[in-house]
PDB file of N, CA and C in Angstrom:
ATOM      1  N   MET A   1     -33.522 -42.524  45.246  1.00  0.00           N
ATOM      2  CA  MET A   1     -32.211 -42.021  44.961  1.00  0.00           C
ATOM      3  C   MET A   1     -31.191 -42.844  45.728  1.00  0.00           C
ATOM      4  N   LYS A   2     -30.318 -43.422  44.993  1.00  0.00           N
ATOM      5  CA  LYS A   2     -29.335 -44.279  45.612  1.00  0.00           C
ATOM      6  C   LYS A   2     -28.171 -43.503  46.184  1.00  0.00           C
ATOM      7  N   HIS A   3     -27.758 -42.448  45.503  1.00  0.00           N
ATOM      8  CA  HIS A   3     -26.567 -41.712  45.942  1.00  0.00           C
ATOM      9  C   HIS A   3     -26.863 -40.219  46.053  1.00  0.00           C
ATOM     10  N   PRO A   4     -27.565 -39.800  47.089  1.00  0.00           N
ATOM     11  CA  PRO A   4     -27.857 -38.363  47.232  1.00  0.00           C
ATOM     12  C   PRO A   4     -26.578 -37.541  47.476  1.00  0.00           C
ATOM     13  N   ALA A   5     -25.591 -38.137  48.056  1.00  0.00           N
ATOM     14  CA  ALA A   5     -24.351 -37.402  48.302  1.00  0.00           C
ATOM     15  C   ALA A   5     -23.636 -37.112  46.978  1.00  0.00           C
ATOM     16  N   LEU A   6     -23.698 -38.049  46.060  1.00  0.00           N
ATOM     17  CA  LEU A   6     -23.075 -37.857  44.737  1.00  0.00           C
ATOM     18  C   LEU A   6     -23.796 -36.762  43.973  1.00  0.00           C
ATOM     19  N   LEU A   7     -25.124 -36.765  44.040  1.00  0.00           N
ATOM     20  CA  LEU A   7     -25.903 -35.729  43.369  1.00  0.00           C
ATOM     21  C   LEU A   7     -25.603 -34.367  43.964  1.00  0.00           C
ATOM     22  N   LEU A   8     -25.498 -34.284  45.268  1.00  0.00           N
ATOM     23  CA  LEU A   8     -25.179 -33.032  45.942  1.00  0.00           C
ATOM     24  C   LEU A   8     -23.780 -32.546  45.545  1.00  0.00           C
ATOM     25  N   CYS A   9     -22.847 -33.452  45.437  1.00  0.00           N
ATOM     26  CA  CYS A   9     -21.473 -33.102  45.048  1.00  0.00           C
ATOM     27  C   CYS A   9     -21.437 -32.574  43.614  1.00  0.00           C
ATOM     28  N   VAL A  10     -22.157 -33.229  42.697  1.00  0.00           N
ATOM     29  CA  VAL A  10     -22.190 -32.793  41.300  1.00  0.00           C
ATOM     30  C   VAL A  10     -22.827 -31.419  41.193  1.00  0.00           C
ATOM     31  N   LEU A  11     -23.910 -31.179  41.893  1.00  0.00           N
ATOM     32  CA  LEU A  11     -24.574 -29.876  41.858  1.00  0.00           C
ATOM     33  C   LEU A  11     -23.678 -28.791  42.455  1.00  0.00           C
ATOM     34  N   THR A  12     -22.976 -29.113  43.500  1.00  0.00           N
ATOM     35  CA  THR A  12     -22.087 -28.146  44.141  1.00  0.00           C
ATOM     36  C   THR A  12     -20.930 -27.782  43.208  1.00  0.00           C
ATOM     37  N   LEU A  13     -20.327 -28.785  42.579  1.00  0.00           N
ATOM     38  CA  LEU A  13     -19.220 -28.513  41.656  1.00  0.00           C
ATOM     39  C   LEU A  13     -19.706 -27.787  40.407  1.00  0.00           C
ATOM     40  N   GLY A  14     -20.902 -28.018  39.973  1.00  0.00           N
ATOM     41  CA  GLY A  14     -21.465 -27.330  38.814  1.00  0.00           C
ATOM     42  C   GLY A  14     -21.606 -25.844  39.073  1.00  0.00           C
ATOM     43  N   GLY A  15     -21.870 -25.463  40.284  1.00  0.00           N
ATOM     44  CA  GLY A  15     -21.992 -24.048  40.628  1.00  0.00           C
ATOM     45  C   GLY A  15     -20.649 -23.341  40.644  1.00  0.00           C
ATOM     46  N   CYS A  16     -19.561 -24.084  40.743  1.00  0.00           N
ATOM     47  CA  CYS A  16     -18.227 -23.483  40.763  1.00  0.00           C
ATOM     48  C   CYS A  16     -17.675 -23.220  39.360  1.00  0.00           C
ATOM     49  N   ALA A  17     -18.334 -23.750  38.366  1.00  0.00           N
ATOM     50  CA  ALA A  17     -17.836 -23.559  36.998  1.00  0.00           C
ATOM     51  C   ALA A  17     -17.883 -22.082  36.644  1.00  0.00           C
ATOM     52  N   THR A  18     -16.828 -21.611  35.983  1.00  0.00           N
ATOM     53  CA  THR A  18     -16.788 -20.194  35.615  1.00  0.00           C
ATOM     54  C   THR A  18     -17.415 -20.009  34.249  1.00  0.00           C
ATOM     55  N   ALA A  19     -17.994 -18.861  34.053  1.00  0.00           N
ATOM     56  CA  ALA A  19     -18.585 -18.534  32.755  1.00  0.00           C
ATOM     57  C   ALA A  19     -17.447 -18.256  31.766  1.00  0.00           C
ATOM     58  N   PRO A  20     -17.627 -18.569  30.498  1.00  0.00           N
ATOM     59  CA  PRO A  20     -16.581 -18.283  29.521  1.00  0.00           C
ATOM     60  C   PRO A  20     -16.304 -16.776  29.448  1.00  0.00           C
ATOM     61  N   ARG A  21     -15.023 -16.447  29.411  1.00  0.00           N
ATOM     62  CA  ARG A  21     -14.624 -15.038  29.414  1.00  0.00           C
ATOM     63  C   ARG A  21     -14.242 -14.624  27.996  1.00  0.00           C
ATOM     64  N   ALA A  22     -14.908 -13.607  27.498  1.00  0.00           N
ATOM     65  CA  ALA A  22     -14.617 -13.131  26.136  1.00  0.00           C
ATOM     66  C   ALA A  22     -13.750 -11.881  26.226  1.00  0.00           C
ATOM     67  N   GLU A  23     -12.672 -11.893  25.481  1.00  0.00           N
ATOM     68  CA  GLU A  23     -11.788 -10.732  25.411  1.00  0.00           C
ATOM     69  C   GLU A  23     -11.771 -10.211  23.986  1.00  0.00           C
ATOM     70  N   ILE A  24     -11.864  -8.918  23.845  1.00  0.00           N
ATOM     71  CA  ILE A  24     -11.797  -8.294  22.527  1.00  0.00           C
ATOM     72  C   ILE A  24     -10.402  -7.727  22.361  1.00  0.00           C
ATOM     73  N   GLN A  25      -9.739  -8.136  21.279  1.00  0.00           N
ATOM     74  CA  GLN A  25      -8.393  -7.653  21.005  1.00  0.00           C
ATOM     75  C   GLN A  25      -8.366  -7.019  19.622  1.00  0.00           C
ATOM     76  N   ALA A  26      -7.665  -5.910  19.518  1.00  0.00           N
ATOM     77  CA  ALA A  26      -7.482  -5.275  18.215  1.00  0.00           C
ATOM     78  C   ALA A  26      -6.294  -5.929  17.520  1.00  0.00           C
ATOM     79  N   VAL A  27      -6.528  -6.385  16.323  1.00  0.00           N
ATOM     80  CA  VAL A  27      -5.476  -7.022  15.538  1.00  0.00           C
ATOM     81  C   VAL A  27      -5.260  -6.176  14.281  1.00  0.00           C
ATOM     82  N   LYS A  28      -4.053  -5.702  14.106  1.00  0.00           N
ATOM     83  CA  LYS A  28      -3.755  -4.870  12.941  1.00  0.00           C
ATOM     84  C   LYS A  28      -3.331  -5.768  11.788  1.00  0.00           C
ATOM     85  N   VAL A  29      -4.139  -5.747  10.735  1.00  0.00           N
ATOM     86  CA  VAL A  29      -3.897  -6.582   9.575  1.00  0.00           C
ATOM     87  C   VAL A  29      -3.710  -5.668   8.370  1.00  0.00           C
ATOM     88  N   PRO A  30      -2.620  -5.817   7.617  1.00  0.00           N
ATOM     89  CA  PRO A  30      -2.454  -4.979   6.433  1.00  0.00           C
ATOM     90  C   PRO A  30      -3.507  -5.315   5.381  1.00  0.00           C
ATOM     91  N   VAL A  31      -4.102  -4.283   4.839  1.00  0.00           N
ATOM     92  CA  VAL A  31      -5.135  -4.443   3.830  1.00  0.00           C
ATOM     93  C   VAL A  31      -4.668  -3.746   2.556  1.00  0.00           C
ATOM     94  N   PRO A  32      -4.725  -4.413   1.412  1.00  0.00           N
ATOM     95  CA  PRO A  32      -4.301  -3.749   0.182  1.00  0.00           C
ATOM     96  C   PRO A  32      -5.223  -2.574  -0.143  1.00  0.00           C
ATOM     97  N   VAL A  33      -4.605  -1.476  -0.529  1.00  0.00           N
ATOM     98  CA  VAL A  33      -5.359  -0.270  -0.845  1.00  0.00           C
ATOM     99  C   VAL A  33      -4.912   0.211  -2.225  1.00  0.00           C
ATOM    100  N   GLU A  34      -5.877   0.659  -2.999  1.00  0.00           N
ATOM    101  CA  GLU A  34      -5.578   1.174  -4.332  1.00  0.00           C
ATOM    102  C   GLU A  34      -4.694   2.410  -4.225  1.00  0.00           C
ATOM    103  N   CYS A  35      -3.683   2.485  -5.069  1.00  0.00           N
ATOM    104  CA  CYS A  35      -2.795   3.641  -5.084  1.00  0.00           C
ATOM    105  C   CYS A  35      -3.487   4.768  -5.837  1.00  0.00           C
ATOM    106  N   ARG A  36      -3.575   5.911  -5.214  1.00  0.00           N
ATOM    107  CA  ARG A  36      -4.242   7.058  -5.844  1.00  0.00           C
ATOM    108  C   ARG A  36      -3.270   8.183  -6.151  1.00  0.00           C
ATOM    109  N   GLU A  37      -2.021   7.821  -6.314  1.00  0.00           N
ATOM    110  CA  GLU A  37      -0.993   8.806  -6.672  1.00  0.00           C
ATOM    111  C   GLU A  37      -1.190   9.184  -8.145  1.00  0.00           C
ATOM    112  N   PRO A  38      -1.290  10.478  -8.442  1.00  0.00           N
ATOM    113  CA  PRO A  38      -1.488  10.849  -9.850  1.00  0.00           C
ATOM    114  C   PRO A  38      -0.240  10.560 -10.680  1.00  0.00           C
ATOM    115  N   THR A  39      -0.461  10.114 -11.906  1.00  0.00           N
ATOM    116  CA  THR A  39       0.644   9.863 -12.824  1.00  0.00           C
ATOM    117  C   THR A  39       1.095  11.202 -13.398  1.00  0.00           C
ATOM    118  N   PRO A  40       2.384  11.489 -13.316  1.00  0.00           N
ATOM    119  CA  PRO A  40       2.854  12.766 -13.862  1.00  0.00           C
ATOM    120  C   PRO A  40       2.641  12.828 -15.378  1.00  0.00           C
ATOM    121  N   ASP A  41       2.335  14.025 -15.857  1.00  0.00           N
ATOM    122  CA  ASP A  41       2.147  14.213 -17.292  1.00  0.00           C
ATOM    123  C   ASP A  41       3.483  14.061 -18.017  1.00  0.00           C
ATOM    124  N   ARG A  42       3.443  13.363 -19.127  1.00  0.00           N
ATOM    125  CA  ARG A  42       4.649  13.165 -19.923  1.00  0.00           C
ATOM    126  C   ARG A  42       4.931  14.458 -20.679  1.00  0.00           C
ATOM    127  N   PRO A  43       6.138  14.985 -20.559  1.00  0.00           N
ATOM    128  CA  PRO A  43       6.455  16.220 -21.283  1.00  0.00           C
ATOM    129  C   PRO A  43       6.648  15.940 -22.775  1.00  0.00           C
ATOM    130  N   SER A  44       6.467  16.979 -23.566  1.00  0.00           N
ATOM    131  CA  SER A  44       6.749  16.812 -25.003  1.00  0.00           C
ATOM    132  C   SER A  44       8.259  16.741 -25.178  1.00  0.00           C
ATOM    133  N   MET A  45       8.687  15.867 -26.038  1.00  0.00           N
ATOM    134  CA  MET A  45      10.116  15.664 -26.238  1.00  0.00           C
ATOM    135  C   MET A  45      10.593  16.466 -27.451  1.00  0.00           C
ATOM    136  N   PRO A  46      11.737  17.130 -27.316  1.00  0.00           N
ATOM    137  CA  PRO A  46      12.238  17.982 -28.398  1.00  0.00           C
ATOM    138  C   PRO A  46      12.460  17.258 -29.722  1.00  0.00           C
ATOM    139  N   THR A  47      12.840  15.994 -29.692  1.00  0.00           N
ATOM    140  CA  THR A  47      13.099  15.288 -30.949  1.00  0.00           C
ATOM    141  C   THR A  47      11.817  14.933 -31.686  1.00  0.00           C
ATOM    142  N   GLU A  48      10.685  14.945 -30.984  1.00  0.00           N
ATOM    143  CA  GLU A  48       9.414  14.606 -31.631  1.00  0.00           C
ATOM    144  C   GLU A  48       8.938  15.707 -32.577  1.00  0.00           C
ATOM    145  N   SER A  49       9.371  16.938 -32.339  1.00  0.00           N
ATOM    146  CA  SER A  49       8.915  18.051 -33.174  1.00  0.00           C
ATOM    147  C   SER A  49       9.906  18.420 -34.275  1.00  0.00           C
ATOM    148  N   LEU A  50      10.982  17.658 -34.387  1.00  0.00           N
ATOM    149  CA  LEU A  50      11.973  17.949 -35.426  1.00  0.00           C
ATOM    150  C   LEU A  50      11.469  17.513 -36.800  1.00  0.00           C
ATOM    151  N   ALA A  51      11.873  18.257 -37.800  1.00  0.00           N
ATOM    152  CA  ALA A  51      11.548  17.878 -39.178  1.00  0.00           C
ATOM    153  C   ALA A  51      12.405  16.671 -39.575  1.00  0.00           C
ATOM    154  N   ASP A  52      11.931  15.922 -40.534  1.00  0.00           N
ATOM    155  CA  ASP A  52      12.660  14.728 -40.974  1.00  0.00           C
ATOM    156  C   ASP A  52      14.024  15.079 -41.564  1.00  0.00           C
ATOM    157  N   ASP A  53      14.143  16.262 -42.149  1.00  0.00           N
ATOM    158  CA  ASP A  53      15.410  16.653 -42.761  1.00  0.00           C
ATOM    159  C   ASP A  53      16.204  17.611 -41.868  1.00  0.00           C
ATOM    160  N   ALA A  54      16.081  17.422 -40.546  1.00  0.00           N
ATOM    161  CA  ALA A  54      16.757  18.326 -39.598  1.00  0.00           C
ATOM    162  C   ALA A  54      18.267  18.178 -39.696  1.00  0.00           C
ATOM    163  N   ASP A  55      18.928  19.280 -39.472  1.00  0.00           N
ATOM    164  CA  ASP A  55      20.388  19.354 -39.461  1.00  0.00           C
ATOM    165  C   ASP A  55      20.928  18.440 -38.344  1.00  0.00           C
ATOM    166  N   PRO A  56      22.034  17.732 -38.532  1.00  0.00           N
ATOM    167  CA  PRO A  56      22.573  16.845 -37.487  1.00  0.00           C
ATOM    168  C   PRO A  56      22.879  17.569 -36.174  1.00  0.00           C
ATOM    169  N   PHE A  57      23.312  18.812 -36.263  1.00  0.00           N
ATOM    170  CA  PHE A  57      23.595  19.561 -35.033  1.00  0.00           C
ATOM    171  C   PHE A  57      22.302  19.930 -34.302  1.00  0.00           C
ATOM    172  N   GLU A  58      21.262  20.211 -35.062  1.00  0.00           N
ATOM    173  CA  GLU A  58      19.949  20.489 -34.466  1.00  0.00           C
ATOM    174  C   GLU A  58      19.421  19.220 -33.782  1.00  0.00           C
ATOM    175  N   LEU A  59      19.617  18.080 -34.432  1.00  0.00           N
ATOM    176  CA  LEU A  59      19.219  16.796 -33.847  1.00  0.00           C
ATOM    177  C   LEU A  59      20.009  16.526 -32.567  1.00  0.00           C
ATOM    178  N   LEU A  60      21.295  16.834 -32.578  1.00  0.00           N
ATOM    179  CA  LEU A  60      22.128  16.642 -31.387  1.00  0.00           C
ATOM    180  C   LEU A  60      21.647  17.516 -30.237  1.00  0.00           C
ATOM    181  N   ARG A  61      21.373  18.801 -30.548  1.00  0.00           N
ATOM    182  CA  ARG A  61      20.892  19.728 -29.513  1.00  0.00           C
ATOM    183  C   ARG A  61      19.567  19.241 -28.916  1.00  0.00           C
ATOM    184  N   ALA A  62      18.657  18.820 -29.797  1.00  0.00           N
ATOM    185  CA  ALA A  62      17.346  18.338 -29.335  1.00  0.00           C
ATOM    186  C   ALA A  62      17.496  17.057 -28.513  1.00  0.00           C
ATOM    187  N   SER A  63      18.417  16.195 -28.918  1.00  0.00           N
ATOM    188  CA  SER A  63      18.632  14.935 -28.181  1.00  0.00           C
ATOM    189  C   SER A  63      19.180  15.199 -26.781  1.00  0.00           C
ATOM    190  N   LEU A  64      20.101  16.142 -26.671  1.00  0.00           N
ATOM    191  CA  LEU A  64      20.648  16.478 -25.351  1.00  0.00           C
ATOM    192  C   LEU A  64      19.573  17.099 -24.454  1.00  0.00           C
ATOM    193  N   ALA A  65      18.729  17.936 -25.021  1.00  0.00           N
ATOM    194  CA  ALA A  65      17.634  18.536 -24.239  1.00  0.00           C
ATOM    195  C   ALA A  65      16.638  17.459 -23.822  1.00  0.00           C
ATOM    196  N   GLU A  66      16.431  16.492 -24.705  1.00  0.00           N
ATOM    197  CA  GLU A  66      15.486  15.423 -24.387  1.00  0.00           C
ATOM    198  C   GLU A  66      15.989  14.556 -23.238  1.00  0.00           C
ATOM    199  N   ILE A  67      17.282  14.340 -23.177  1.00  0.00           N
ATOM    200  CA  ILE A  67      17.848  13.563 -22.069  1.00  0.00           C
ATOM    201  C   ILE A  67      17.512  14.230 -20.741  1.00  0.00           C
ATOM    202  N   ASP A  68      17.676  15.552 -20.678  1.00  0.00           N
ATOM    203  CA  ASP A  68      17.346  16.273 -19.436  1.00  0.00           C
ATOM    204  C   ASP A  68      15.869  16.147 -19.092  1.00  0.00           C
ATOM    205  N   ARG A  69      15.006  16.292 -20.099  1.00  0.00           N
ATOM    206  CA  ARG A  69      13.559  16.190 -19.836  1.00  0.00           C
ATOM    207  C   ARG A  69      13.185  14.785 -19.382  1.00  0.00           C
ATOM    208  N   ARG A  70      13.764  13.789 -20.022  1.00  0.00           N
ATOM    209  CA  ARG A  70      13.450  12.409 -19.637  1.00  0.00           C
ATOM    210  C   ARG A  70      13.928  12.106 -18.218  1.00  0.00           C
ATOM    211  N   GLU A  71      15.079  12.625 -17.844  1.00  0.00           N
ATOM    212  CA  GLU A  71      15.566  12.412 -16.476  1.00  0.00           C
ATOM    213  C   GLU A  71      14.638  13.077 -15.465  1.00  0.00           C
ATOM    214  N   GLY A  72      14.172  14.283 -15.768  1.00  0.00           N
ATOM    215  CA  GLY A  72      13.220  14.957 -14.875  1.00  0.00           C
ATOM    216  C   GLY A  72      11.914  14.193 -14.765  1.00  0.00           C
ATOM    217  N   TYR A  73      11.433  13.684 -15.901  1.00  0.00           N
ATOM    218  CA  TYR A  73      10.205  12.901 -15.918  1.00  0.00           C
ATOM    219  C   TYR A  73      10.382  11.606 -15.132  1.00  0.00           C
ATOM    220  N   GLU A  74      11.538  10.976 -15.277  1.00  0.00           N
ATOM    221  CA  GLU A  74      11.825   9.739 -14.545  1.00  0.00           C
ATOM    222  C   GLU A  74      11.822   9.986 -13.037  1.00  0.00           C
ATOM    223  N   ILE A  75      12.360  11.106 -12.597  1.00  0.00           N
ATOM    224  CA  ILE A  75      12.367  11.439 -11.162  1.00  0.00           C
ATOM    225  C   ILE A  75      10.936  11.529 -10.639  1.00  0.00           C
ATOM    226  N   LYS A  76      10.056  12.165 -11.421  1.00  0.00           N
ATOM    227  CA  LYS A  76       8.650  12.277 -11.003  1.00  0.00           C
ATOM    228  C   LYS A  76       7.969  10.909 -10.972  1.00  0.00           C
ATOM    229  N   LEU A  77       8.271  10.065 -11.965  1.00  0.00           N
ATOM    230  CA  LEU A  77       7.675   8.723 -11.994  1.00  0.00           C
ATOM    231  C   LEU A  77       8.140   7.873 -10.818  1.00  0.00           C
ATOM    232  N   VAL A  78       9.427   7.946 -10.504  1.00  0.00           N
ATOM    233  CA  VAL A  78       9.965   7.168  -9.382  1.00  0.00           C
ATOM    234  C   VAL A  78       9.354   7.660  -8.071  1.00  0.00           C
ATOM    235  N   ALA A  79       9.189   8.972  -7.928  1.00  0.00           N
ATOM    236  CA  ALA A  79       8.574   9.510  -6.709  1.00  0.00           C
ATOM    237  C   ALA A  79       7.134   9.028  -6.569  1.00  0.00           C
ATOM    238  N   ALA A  80       6.390   9.001  -7.663  1.00  0.00           N
ATOM    239  CA  ALA A  80       5.006   8.510  -7.623  1.00  0.00           C
ATOM    240  C   ALA A  80       4.972   7.035  -7.252  1.00  0.00           C
ATOM    241  N   LEU A  81       5.882   6.257  -7.815  1.00  0.00           N
ATOM    242  CA  LEU A  81       5.943   4.829  -7.496  1.00  0.00           C
ATOM    243  C   LEU A  81       6.285   4.612  -6.030  1.00  0.00           C
ATOM    244  N   GLU A  82       7.243   5.354  -5.521  1.00  0.00           N
ATOM    245  CA  GLU A  82       7.620   5.217  -4.107  1.00  0.00           C
ATOM    246  C   GLU A  82       6.448   5.577  -3.189  1.00  0.00           C
ATOM    247  N   ASN A  83       5.664   6.584  -3.560  1.00  0.00           N
ATOM    248  CA  ASN A  83       4.497   6.945  -2.753  1.00  0.00           C
ATOM    249  C   ASN A  83       3.470   5.819  -2.746  1.00  0.00           C
ATOM    250  N   CYS A  84       3.370   5.080  -3.834  1.00  0.00           N
ATOM    251  CA  CYS A  84       2.429   3.952  -3.882  1.00  0.00           C
ATOM    252  C   CYS A  84       2.946   2.767  -3.076  1.00  0.00           C
ATOM    253  N   LYS A  85       4.247   2.613  -2.976  1.00  0.00           N
ATOM    254  CA  LYS A  85       4.824   1.484  -2.254  1.00  0.00           C
ATOM    255  C   LYS A  85       4.966   1.754  -0.756  1.00  0.00           C
ATOM    256  N   ARG A  86       4.882   3.009  -0.359  1.00  0.00           N
ATOM    257  CA  ARG A  86       5.065   3.371   1.051  1.00  0.00           C
ATOM    258  C   ARG A  86       3.953   2.748   1.896  1.00  0.00           C
ATOM    259  N   PRO A  87       4.278   2.148   3.046  1.00  0.00           N
ATOM    260  CA  PRO A  87       3.233   1.546   3.879  1.00  0.00           C
ATOM    261  C   PRO A  87       2.309   2.616   4.453  1.00  0.00           C
ATOM    262  N   LEU A  88       1.062   2.237   4.610  1.00  0.00           N
ATOM    263  CA  LEU A  88       0.085   3.159   5.179  1.00  0.00           C
ATOM    264  C   LEU A  88       0.309   3.290   6.674  1.00  0.00           C
ATOM    265  N   THR A  89       0.048   4.458   7.206  1.00  0.00           N
ATOM    266  CA  THR A  89       0.127   4.644   8.654  1.00  0.00           C
ATOM    267  C   THR A  89      -1.259   4.410   9.230  1.00  0.00           C
ATOM    268  N   LEU A  90      -1.315   3.666  10.311  1.00  0.00           N
ATOM    269  CA  LEU A  90      -2.585   3.358  10.957  1.00  0.00           C
ATOM    270  C   LEU A  90      -2.946   4.452  11.934  1.00  0.00           C
ATOM    271  N   ARG A  91      -4.173   4.897  11.844  1.00  0.00           N
ATOM    272  CA  ARG A  91      -4.664   5.912  12.786  1.00  0.00           C
ATOM    273  C   ARG A  91      -5.561   5.230  13.784  1.00  0.00           C
ATOM    274  N   GLU A  92      -5.435   5.618  15.035  1.00  0.00           N
ATOM    275  CA  GLU A  92      -6.278   4.993  16.075  1.00  0.00           C
ATOM    276  C   GLU A  92      -7.302   5.976  16.547  1.00  0.00           C
TER     277      GLU A  92
END
């Protein structure tokens, strides 16, 4: 052995090396989830049940009632859509 001091130095420094330290971290990643919001049932519309030879005033009355039903149905559809778009809350 030509350089026993060098070998001793290398062995000594090798003992000072630290072991790799592993840390576990929780990472919150958004995951797409299927929307399970039920689709509201479509109501029957008053103009659909009218006879072909319905009186114009009867048609007008049915059309005005249908507007109200469609607006109510639209509110339910928008609420269902908003529930599907709402971000999920993470539980720990």
